Amino acid sequence: MDRRIVVERAIPTDPSVRSSESLFLTETTGQAGEATRELLGVETIARPDHLAELIDSGEVIVRRRLMSVDGVPVRISNSYFPASAPEAQILGSERFMEGGLQKLFESHGRRFGHARETLTARPPTAEEADLLKLREGVAVVHIVRASFDADATMVHTLESICAADKHVFVVNQLPGDQAF
C-alpha cells in the first residue's frame, strides 16, 4: 500500500516549535495522522566528513531518530553534538531529552546566537531508502541546521533526511521584511 502522507515543515522553524520538547511532534500537531519517533541509537563517532565545515570537534555524539506518521517513515533525524560539550553525559544517554534541547542548553548557561540551515534535494543512499521505505526514484531533501551559541560555538547540528514525496516545505518571509 502506497499511502501518501504530507508533513508540513516551516522554514525557518518558528522558535516556539524549535524550542519544544520534540520539534517533529510539535510541528506535526494538527496535521494528518499520528506522529511518532523512534530512537535508533546514540553513539560517539568521528565527525562525519560531510559536516566538517560546520563542526569543529573531531569527535561527536550522534543521536539518530526515525520519524513516522501513522507508521509510515517520513524522516530520519541525526543530531550531532561536540563530545566535549558540557551536556555530553546527558546527550549520550539512550533516551529522549525531557524538556527538550533548549532547556538543556540553557541549564548549562548557553544562549542562542545564530543558526545556518541548508536544504539539498538528492537521491537517497541505500540505507536512507531502506529506512524510509522509499519507492525507486523518490528523492530526499537533506536539511542541515547548525546552531551556535552567543559565543559562536557550535552547539547542535541537526541533519534531517526527509522523504521528498511526503513533505511540503513552507518558506516564510523574515519578520520585518517589507518588500513584495
N, C-alpha and C. Protein backbone atom coordinates (compact mmCIF):
# COMPACT_ATOMS: atom_id res chain seq x y z
N MET A 1 0.84 -1.18 0.00
CA MET A 1 0.00 0.00 0.00
C MET A 1 0.89 1.24 0.00
N ASP A 2 0.70 2.12 -0.94
CA ASP A 2 1.48 3.34 -1.03
C ASP A 2 0.62 4.52 -0.63
N ARG A 3 0.59 4.80 0.64
CA ARG A 3 -0.23 5.88 1.16
C ARG A 3 0.59 7.15 1.25
N ARG A 4 0.13 8.19 0.63
CA ARG A 4 0.85 9.46 0.64
C ARG A 4 0.53 10.24 1.91
N ILE A 5 1.56 10.55 2.67
CA ILE A 5 1.42 11.37 3.87
C ILE A 5 2.23 12.63 3.63
N VAL A 6 1.62 13.76 3.86
CA VAL A 6 2.33 15.02 3.67
C VAL A 6 2.50 15.72 5.01
N VAL A 7 3.74 15.96 5.35
CA VAL A 7 4.09 16.65 6.57
C VAL A 7 4.57 18.04 6.18
N GLU A 8 4.01 19.06 6.81
CA GLU A 8 4.49 20.42 6.55
C GLU A 8 5.62 20.75 7.51
N ARG A 9 6.65 21.41 6.98
CA ARG A 9 7.75 21.88 7.81
C ARG A 9 8.03 23.31 7.42
N ALA A 10 7.95 24.21 8.39
CA ALA A 10 8.18 25.63 8.13
C ALA A 10 9.67 25.94 8.07
N ILE A 11 10.04 26.81 7.14
CA ILE A 11 11.41 27.28 7.01
C ILE A 11 11.35 28.80 7.04
N PRO A 12 11.93 29.50 7.96
CA PRO A 12 12.57 28.96 9.16
C PRO A 12 11.52 28.42 10.14
N THR A 13 11.96 27.55 11.01
CA THR A 13 11.07 26.96 12.01
C THR A 13 10.76 28.01 13.07
N ASP A 14 9.49 28.11 13.44
CA ASP A 14 9.08 29.02 14.50
C ASP A 14 9.88 28.70 15.77
N PRO A 15 10.41 29.71 16.45
CA PRO A 15 11.20 29.46 17.67
C PRO A 15 10.46 28.65 18.73
N SER A 16 9.14 28.83 18.86
CA SER A 16 8.40 28.07 19.87
C SER A 16 8.36 26.58 19.51
N VAL A 17 8.38 26.26 18.23
CA VAL A 17 8.42 24.87 17.79
C VAL A 17 9.83 24.32 17.98
N ARG A 18 10.83 25.09 17.56
CA ARG A 18 12.22 24.66 17.66
C ARG A 18 12.62 24.40 19.11
N SER A 19 12.09 25.20 20.05
CA SER A 19 12.50 25.05 21.45
C SER A 19 11.61 24.07 22.23
N SER A 20 10.69 23.41 21.55
CA SER A 20 9.80 22.46 22.24
C SER A 20 10.55 21.17 22.57
N GLU A 21 9.88 20.30 23.29
CA GLU A 21 10.50 19.03 23.68
C GLU A 21 10.83 18.18 22.46
N SER A 22 10.00 18.23 21.42
CA SER A 22 10.26 17.49 20.18
C SER A 22 9.80 18.33 19.00
N LEU A 23 10.74 18.79 18.20
CA LEU A 23 10.41 19.59 17.01
C LEU A 23 9.41 18.84 16.14
N PHE A 24 9.69 17.58 15.84
CA PHE A 24 8.83 16.81 14.95
C PHE A 24 7.42 16.64 15.51
N LEU A 25 7.31 16.22 16.76
CA LEU A 25 5.98 16.01 17.34
C LEU A 25 5.21 17.32 17.44
N THR A 26 5.90 18.41 17.75
CA THR A 26 5.23 19.71 17.87
C THR A 26 4.81 20.22 16.50
N GLU A 27 5.70 20.13 15.50
CA GLU A 27 5.36 20.67 14.18
C GLU A 27 4.26 19.87 13.49
N THR A 28 4.08 18.61 13.84
CA THR A 28 3.05 17.79 13.19
C THR A 28 1.72 17.81 13.94
N THR A 29 1.66 18.47 15.09
CA THR A 29 0.40 18.58 15.83
C THR A 29 -0.64 19.24 14.93
N GLY A 30 -1.78 18.60 14.80
CA GLY A 30 -2.85 19.13 13.97
C GLY A 30 -2.74 18.75 12.51
N GLN A 31 -1.64 18.12 12.13
CA GLN A 31 -1.51 17.65 10.75
C GLN A 31 -2.10 16.24 10.67
N ALA A 32 -2.21 15.72 9.47
CA ALA A 32 -2.83 14.41 9.26
C ALA A 32 -2.02 13.30 9.92
N GLY A 33 -2.70 12.41 10.61
CA GLY A 33 -2.07 11.21 11.15
C GLY A 33 -1.42 11.37 12.51
N GLU A 34 -1.02 10.22 13.07
CA GLU A 34 -0.37 10.19 14.38
C GLU A 34 1.14 10.13 14.18
N ALA A 35 1.82 11.16 14.68
CA ALA A 35 3.27 11.25 14.56
C ALA A 35 3.95 10.51 15.70
N THR A 36 4.98 9.75 15.37
CA THR A 36 5.77 9.04 16.38
C THR A 36 7.25 9.17 16.03
N ARG A 37 8.10 8.93 17.00
CA ARG A 37 9.55 8.94 16.78
C ARG A 37 10.17 7.75 17.49
N GLU A 38 11.22 7.26 16.89
CA GLU A 38 11.93 6.10 17.42
C GLU A 38 13.40 6.46 17.51
N LEU A 39 14.00 6.22 18.67
CA LEU A 39 15.43 6.45 18.84
C LEU A 39 16.17 5.24 18.28
N LEU A 40 16.91 5.46 17.19
CA LEU A 40 17.63 4.37 16.53
C LEU A 40 18.95 4.06 17.20
N GLY A 41 19.51 5.04 17.88
CA GLY A 41 20.77 4.82 18.57
C GLY A 41 21.47 6.10 18.93
N VAL A 42 22.38 5.98 19.90
CA VAL A 42 23.21 7.09 20.36
C VAL A 42 24.63 6.54 20.46
N GLU A 43 25.59 7.26 19.86
CA GLU A 43 26.97 6.81 19.94
C GLU A 43 27.92 7.98 19.76
N THR A 44 29.16 7.79 20.16
CA THR A 44 30.22 8.76 19.94
C THR A 44 31.02 8.28 18.74
N ILE A 45 31.17 9.18 17.75
CA ILE A 45 31.85 8.82 16.50
C ILE A 45 32.79 9.94 16.07
N ALA A 46 33.63 9.66 15.08
CA ALA A 46 34.42 10.71 14.47
C ALA A 46 33.48 11.61 13.68
N ARG A 47 33.77 12.90 13.68
CA ARG A 47 32.94 13.86 12.94
C ARG A 47 32.79 13.40 11.49
N PRO A 48 31.55 13.35 10.97
CA PRO A 48 31.36 12.96 9.57
C PRO A 48 32.01 13.98 8.63
N ASP A 49 32.65 13.50 7.58
CA ASP A 49 33.35 14.36 6.63
C ASP A 49 32.42 15.42 6.02
N HIS A 50 31.17 15.03 5.72
CA HIS A 50 30.27 15.97 5.05
C HIS A 50 29.82 17.12 5.96
N LEU A 51 30.14 17.05 7.25
CA LEU A 51 29.78 18.12 8.18
C LEU A 51 31.01 18.84 8.74
N ALA A 52 32.18 18.55 8.17
CA ALA A 52 33.43 19.10 8.69
C ALA A 52 33.48 20.62 8.73
N GLU A 53 32.87 21.28 7.75
CA GLU A 53 32.92 22.75 7.74
C GLU A 53 32.05 23.38 8.83
N LEU A 54 31.12 22.60 9.40
CA LEU A 54 30.22 23.13 10.44
C LEU A 54 30.63 22.73 11.85
N ILE A 55 31.27 21.58 11.97
CA ILE A 55 31.57 21.04 13.29
C ILE A 55 33.08 21.08 13.52
N ASP A 56 33.50 21.85 14.54
CA ASP A 56 34.93 21.97 14.86
C ASP A 56 35.47 20.73 15.56
N SER A 57 34.65 20.11 16.38
CA SER A 57 35.08 18.98 17.19
C SER A 57 35.37 17.76 16.33
N GLY A 58 36.46 17.06 16.65
CA GLY A 58 36.80 15.84 15.91
C GLY A 58 35.92 14.66 16.27
N GLU A 59 35.42 14.66 17.51
CA GLU A 59 34.54 13.60 17.98
C GLU A 59 33.19 14.19 18.34
N VAL A 60 32.13 13.49 17.94
CA VAL A 60 30.78 13.97 18.20
C VAL A 60 29.90 12.86 18.76
N ILE A 61 28.91 13.29 19.51
CA ILE A 61 27.84 12.38 19.92
C ILE A 61 26.77 12.51 18.85
N VAL A 62 26.32 11.40 18.31
CA VAL A 62 25.24 11.43 17.33
C VAL A 62 24.04 10.69 17.91
N ARG A 63 22.89 11.33 17.79
CA ARG A 63 21.61 10.75 18.22
C ARG A 63 20.79 10.57 16.96
N ARG A 64 20.46 9.32 16.61
CA ARG A 64 19.73 9.02 15.38
C ARG A 64 18.29 8.65 15.71
N ARG A 65 17.36 9.27 14.94
CA ARG A 65 15.94 9.03 15.17
C ARG A 65 15.23 8.81 13.84
N LEU A 66 14.15 8.03 13.90
CA LEU A 66 13.29 7.81 12.74
C LEU A 66 11.92 8.36 13.09
N MET A 67 11.41 9.25 12.23
CA MET A 67 10.12 9.88 12.45
C MET A 67 9.10 9.26 11.50
N SER A 68 7.92 8.96 12.03
CA SER A 68 6.87 8.33 11.23
C SER A 68 5.54 9.01 11.48
N VAL A 69 4.64 8.84 10.52
CA VAL A 69 3.25 9.27 10.67
C VAL A 69 2.39 8.07 10.31
N ASP A 70 1.53 7.69 11.23
CA ASP A 70 0.68 6.50 11.07
C ASP A 70 1.50 5.28 10.68
N GLY A 71 2.69 5.16 11.26
CA GLY A 71 3.55 4.01 11.00
C GLY A 71 4.35 4.10 9.71
N VAL A 72 4.18 5.17 8.94
CA VAL A 72 4.91 5.35 7.68
C VAL A 72 6.13 6.23 7.94
N PRO A 73 7.35 5.72 7.71
CA PRO A 73 8.55 6.54 7.94
C PRO A 73 8.58 7.74 6.97
N VAL A 74 8.83 8.94 7.53
CA VAL A 74 8.86 10.14 6.70
C VAL A 74 10.17 10.91 6.82
N ARG A 75 10.92 10.69 7.91
CA ARG A 75 12.13 11.50 8.12
C ARG A 75 13.11 10.76 9.02
N ILE A 76 14.38 10.90 8.70
CA ILE A 76 15.48 10.46 9.56
C ILE A 76 16.12 11.72 10.11
N SER A 77 16.34 11.78 11.40
CA SER A 77 16.99 12.94 12.01
C SER A 77 18.22 12.49 12.78
N ASN A 78 19.34 13.12 12.48
CA ASN A 78 20.58 12.85 13.18
C ASN A 78 21.03 14.15 13.84
N SER A 79 21.20 14.12 15.15
CA SER A 79 21.68 15.29 15.89
C SER A 79 23.12 15.04 16.29
N TYR A 80 23.97 16.03 16.02
CA TYR A 80 25.40 15.94 16.33
C TYR A 80 25.75 17.00 17.36
N PHE A 81 26.52 16.59 18.38
CA PHE A 81 26.96 17.48 19.45
C PHE A 81 28.44 17.21 19.71
N PRO A 82 29.23 18.25 20.00
CA PRO A 82 30.62 18.01 20.35
C PRO A 82 30.71 17.06 21.54
N ALA A 83 31.57 16.05 21.45
CA ALA A 83 31.70 15.08 22.54
C ALA A 83 32.21 15.73 23.82
N SER A 84 32.86 16.88 23.69
CA SER A 84 33.39 17.59 24.85
C SER A 84 32.40 18.59 25.44
N ALA A 85 31.20 18.67 24.91
CA ALA A 85 30.20 19.64 25.37
C ALA A 85 29.86 19.40 26.84
N PRO A 86 29.53 20.47 27.57
CA PRO A 86 29.16 20.30 28.98
C PRO A 86 27.94 19.40 29.17
N GLU A 87 27.12 19.29 28.14
CA GLU A 87 25.90 18.46 28.20
C GLU A 87 26.13 17.02 27.75
N ALA A 88 27.37 16.65 27.46
CA ALA A 88 27.69 15.37 26.82
C ALA A 88 27.13 14.15 27.57
N GLN A 89 27.20 14.15 28.88
CA GLN A 89 26.73 12.98 29.63
C GLN A 89 25.24 12.75 29.39
N ILE A 90 24.46 13.81 29.39
CA ILE A 90 23.02 13.69 29.17
C ILE A 90 22.74 13.35 27.71
N LEU A 91 23.45 14.03 26.78
CA LEU A 91 23.24 13.79 25.35
C LEU A 91 23.63 12.38 24.94
N GLY A 92 24.54 11.76 25.66
CA GLY A 92 24.99 10.41 25.35
C GLY A 92 24.09 9.32 25.87
N SER A 93 23.02 9.69 26.57
CA SER A 93 22.12 8.66 27.11
C SER A 93 21.16 8.15 26.04
N GLU A 94 20.72 6.94 26.20
CA GLU A 94 19.83 6.27 25.23
C GLU A 94 18.36 6.54 25.56
N ARG A 95 18.00 7.83 25.66
CA ARG A 95 16.61 8.18 25.91
C ARG A 95 16.35 9.55 25.30
N PHE A 96 15.08 9.89 25.12
CA PHE A 96 14.73 11.21 24.62
C PHE A 96 14.96 12.23 25.73
N MET A 97 15.26 13.45 25.33
CA MET A 97 15.56 14.53 26.27
C MET A 97 14.26 15.07 26.87
N GLU A 98 14.11 14.97 28.18
CA GLU A 98 12.94 15.56 28.84
C GLU A 98 13.09 17.07 28.82
N GLY A 99 12.06 17.75 28.34
CA GLY A 99 12.08 19.20 28.29
C GLY A 99 12.71 19.76 27.04
N GLY A 100 13.40 18.95 26.28
CA GLY A 100 13.99 19.38 25.02
C GLY A 100 15.39 19.95 25.16
N LEU A 101 16.02 20.12 24.01
CA LEU A 101 17.41 20.60 23.97
C LEU A 101 17.55 22.03 24.44
N GLN A 102 16.58 22.88 24.12
CA GLN A 102 16.67 24.29 24.52
C GLN A 102 16.86 24.41 26.03
N LYS A 103 16.04 23.70 26.78
CA LYS A 103 16.13 23.74 28.25
C LYS A 103 17.46 23.17 28.72
N LEU A 104 17.92 22.11 28.08
CA LEU A 104 19.20 21.51 28.46
C LEU A 104 20.34 22.50 28.24
N PHE A 105 20.39 23.13 27.08
CA PHE A 105 21.45 24.10 26.80
C PHE A 105 21.39 25.28 27.76
N GLU A 106 20.19 25.80 27.99
CA GLU A 106 20.04 26.94 28.89
C GLU A 106 20.46 26.59 30.31
N SER A 107 20.20 25.34 30.73
CA SER A 107 20.59 24.93 32.08
C SER A 107 22.11 24.89 32.24
N HIS A 108 22.83 24.88 31.13
CA HIS A 108 24.30 24.92 31.16
C HIS A 108 24.83 26.31 30.78
N GLY A 109 23.94 27.31 30.87
CA GLY A 109 24.36 28.69 30.66
C GLY A 109 24.53 29.12 29.21
N ARG A 110 24.04 28.33 28.29
CA ARG A 110 24.20 28.69 26.87
C ARG A 110 23.04 29.56 26.41
N ARG A 111 23.36 30.57 25.61
CA ARG A 111 22.35 31.41 25.00
C ARG A 111 22.48 31.26 23.49
N PHE A 112 21.33 31.21 22.81
CA PHE A 112 21.33 31.06 21.36
C PHE A 112 21.96 32.27 20.70
N GLY A 113 22.78 32.00 19.67
CA GLY A 113 23.41 33.07 18.91
C GLY A 113 22.85 33.18 17.52
N HIS A 114 23.07 32.15 16.70
CA HIS A 114 22.55 32.15 15.34
C HIS A 114 22.52 30.72 14.80
N ALA A 115 21.88 30.55 13.67
CA ALA A 115 21.81 29.23 13.03
C ALA A 115 21.95 29.41 11.53
N ARG A 116 22.40 28.35 10.89
CA ARG A 116 22.51 28.31 9.44
C ARG A 116 21.83 27.03 8.97
N GLU A 117 20.94 27.16 7.99
CA GLU A 117 20.17 26.00 7.53
C GLU A 117 20.29 25.89 6.02
N THR A 118 20.59 24.69 5.52
CA THR A 118 20.66 24.45 4.08
C THR A 118 19.76 23.27 3.72
N LEU A 119 19.14 23.36 2.54
CA LEU A 119 18.30 22.28 2.03
C LEU A 119 18.87 21.85 0.69
N THR A 120 19.02 20.54 0.51
CA THR A 120 19.53 19.99 -0.74
C THR A 120 18.68 18.80 -1.13
N ALA A 121 18.17 18.80 -2.36
CA ALA A 121 17.45 17.63 -2.88
C ALA A 121 18.48 16.72 -3.52
N ARG A 122 18.37 15.42 -3.26
CA ARG A 122 19.34 14.46 -3.80
C ARG A 122 18.74 13.06 -3.76
N PRO A 123 19.39 12.13 -4.49
CA PRO A 123 18.95 10.73 -4.37
C PRO A 123 19.31 10.21 -2.97
N PRO A 124 18.53 9.29 -2.45
CA PRO A 124 18.84 8.73 -1.13
C PRO A 124 19.99 7.73 -1.22
N THR A 125 20.68 7.55 -0.09
CA THR A 125 21.62 6.44 -0.01
C THR A 125 20.79 5.16 0.12
N ALA A 126 21.41 4.01 -0.03
CA ALA A 126 20.69 2.74 0.11
C ALA A 126 20.09 2.61 1.51
N GLU A 127 20.85 3.01 2.54
CA GLU A 127 20.36 2.93 3.92
C GLU A 127 19.15 3.85 4.12
N GLU A 128 19.22 5.07 3.59
CA GLU A 128 18.11 6.01 3.72
C GLU A 128 16.86 5.49 3.01
N ALA A 129 17.04 4.98 1.80
CA ALA A 129 15.90 4.44 1.04
C ALA A 129 15.25 3.29 1.80
N ASP A 130 16.07 2.45 2.43
CA ASP A 130 15.55 1.31 3.20
C ASP A 130 14.81 1.78 4.44
N LEU A 131 15.41 2.68 5.23
CA LEU A 131 14.77 3.16 6.45
C LEU A 131 13.46 3.89 6.16
N LEU A 132 13.46 4.70 5.09
CA LEU A 132 12.28 5.49 4.75
C LEU A 132 11.30 4.72 3.85
N LYS A 133 11.67 3.50 3.48
CA LYS A 133 10.82 2.66 2.62
C LYS A 133 10.41 3.41 1.35
N LEU A 134 11.41 4.01 0.70
CA LEU A 134 11.15 4.82 -0.49
C LEU A 134 10.97 3.96 -1.73
N ARG A 135 10.04 4.39 -2.57
CA ARG A 135 9.90 3.77 -3.89
C ARG A 135 11.10 4.19 -4.73
N GLU A 136 11.45 3.39 -5.70
CA GLU A 136 12.56 3.72 -6.60
C GLU A 136 12.28 5.06 -7.28
N GLY A 137 13.29 5.90 -7.33
CA GLY A 137 13.18 7.20 -7.99
C GLY A 137 12.73 8.33 -7.09
N VAL A 138 12.35 8.04 -5.84
CA VAL A 138 11.93 9.10 -4.92
C VAL A 138 13.18 9.71 -4.28
N ALA A 139 13.26 11.03 -4.34
CA ALA A 139 14.41 11.76 -3.78
C ALA A 139 14.19 12.02 -2.29
N VAL A 140 15.24 12.51 -1.65
CA VAL A 140 15.15 13.01 -0.29
C VAL A 140 15.53 14.49 -0.30
N VAL A 141 15.06 15.20 0.70
CA VAL A 141 15.51 16.57 0.93
C VAL A 141 16.37 16.49 2.18
N HIS A 142 17.63 16.84 2.01
CA HIS A 142 18.63 16.77 3.07
C HIS A 142 18.76 18.17 3.67
N ILE A 143 18.35 18.31 4.93
CA ILE A 143 18.39 19.60 5.61
C ILE A 143 19.45 19.53 6.69
N VAL A 144 20.34 20.51 6.70
CA VAL A 144 21.35 20.60 7.75
C VAL A 144 21.19 21.96 8.42
N ARG A 145 20.94 21.92 9.73
CA ARG A 145 20.83 23.15 10.52
C ARG A 145 21.91 23.13 11.58
N ALA A 146 22.84 24.08 11.50
CA ALA A 146 23.88 24.22 12.51
C ALA A 146 23.50 25.37 13.42
N SER A 147 23.44 25.10 14.72
CA SER A 147 23.06 26.11 15.71
C SER A 147 24.27 26.44 16.57
N PHE A 148 24.47 27.74 16.78
CA PHE A 148 25.62 28.23 17.52
C PHE A 148 25.14 29.04 18.72
N ASP A 149 25.92 29.02 19.79
CA ASP A 149 25.56 29.82 20.95
C ASP A 149 26.03 31.26 20.76
N ALA A 150 25.78 32.09 21.76
CA ALA A 150 26.12 33.52 21.67
C ALA A 150 27.62 33.76 21.52
N ASP A 151 28.44 32.76 21.86
CA ASP A 151 29.90 32.86 21.71
C ASP A 151 30.37 32.28 20.38
N ALA A 152 29.42 31.98 19.48
CA ALA A 152 29.69 31.42 18.14
C ALA A 152 30.28 30.01 18.21
N THR A 153 30.00 29.28 19.28
CA THR A 153 30.42 27.89 19.42
C THR A 153 29.30 26.99 18.91
N MET A 154 29.64 26.06 18.02
CA MET A 154 28.63 25.12 17.51
C MET A 154 28.12 24.29 18.68
N VAL A 155 26.81 24.28 18.85
CA VAL A 155 26.18 23.57 19.95
C VAL A 155 25.46 22.33 19.45
N HIS A 156 24.82 22.45 18.28
CA HIS A 156 23.99 21.35 17.78
C HIS A 156 23.91 21.45 16.26
N THR A 157 24.17 20.35 15.59
CA THR A 157 23.94 20.27 14.15
C THR A 157 22.90 19.20 13.93
N LEU A 158 21.78 19.61 13.34
CA LEU A 158 20.67 18.71 13.07
C LEU A 158 20.65 18.40 11.58
N GLU A 159 20.72 17.12 11.27
CA GLU A 159 20.66 16.66 9.88
C GLU A 159 19.35 15.89 9.72
N SER A 160 18.47 16.41 8.87
CA SER A 160 17.19 15.75 8.62
C SER A 160 17.17 15.25 7.19
N ILE A 161 16.83 13.99 7.00
CA ILE A 161 16.70 13.41 5.67
C ILE A 161 15.21 13.12 5.51
N CYS A 162 14.56 13.92 4.68
CA CYS A 162 13.11 13.89 4.53
C CYS A 162 12.71 13.20 3.23
N ALA A 163 11.76 12.28 3.30
CA ALA A 163 11.20 11.68 2.09
C ALA A 163 10.53 12.81 1.30
N ALA A 164 11.04 13.11 0.11
CA ALA A 164 10.55 14.26 -0.66
C ALA A 164 9.08 14.13 -1.04
N ASP A 165 8.60 12.91 -1.21
CA ASP A 165 7.20 12.73 -1.59
C ASP A 165 6.24 12.79 -0.41
N LYS A 166 6.77 13.03 0.79
CA LYS A 166 5.93 13.05 1.98
C LYS A 166 6.07 14.36 2.76
N HIS A 167 6.71 15.37 2.16
CA HIS A 167 6.91 16.65 2.84
C HIS A 167 6.54 17.82 1.94
N VAL A 168 6.08 18.87 2.58
CA VAL A 168 5.90 20.17 1.95
C VAL A 168 6.66 21.15 2.83
N PHE A 169 7.49 21.98 2.22
CA PHE A 169 8.27 22.96 2.96
C PHE A 169 7.66 24.34 2.74
N VAL A 170 7.21 24.95 3.82
CA VAL A 170 6.58 26.26 3.76
C VAL A 170 7.65 27.27 4.16
N VAL A 171 8.02 28.16 3.22
CA VAL A 171 9.05 29.16 3.47
C VAL A 171 8.37 30.47 3.79
N ASN A 172 8.65 31.02 4.96
CA ASN A 172 8.04 32.26 5.40
C ASN A 172 8.99 33.43 5.27
N GLN A 173 8.43 34.57 4.99
CA GLN A 173 9.18 35.81 4.92
C GLN A 173 9.73 36.14 6.30
N LEU A 174 10.91 36.74 6.35
CA LEU A 174 11.50 37.12 7.62
C LEU A 174 10.69 38.23 8.27
N PRO A 175 10.55 38.19 9.60
CA PRO A 175 9.82 39.25 10.29
C PRO A 175 10.47 40.62 10.00
N GLY A 176 9.62 41.60 9.76
CA GLY A 176 10.12 42.94 9.49
C GLY A 176 10.39 43.22 8.03
N ASP A 177 10.39 42.19 7.18
CA ASP A 177 10.64 42.39 5.75
C ASP A 177 9.41 43.06 5.14
N GLN A 178 9.61 44.20 4.47
CA GLN A 178 8.50 44.97 3.93
C GLN A 178 8.43 44.89 2.40
N ALA A 179 9.31 44.14 1.76
CA ALA A 179 9.37 44.10 0.31
C ALA A 179 8.41 43.07 -0.27
N PHE A 180 7.80 43.42 -1.42
CA PHE A 180 6.92 42.48 -2.13
C PHE A 180 7.74 41.47 -2.86
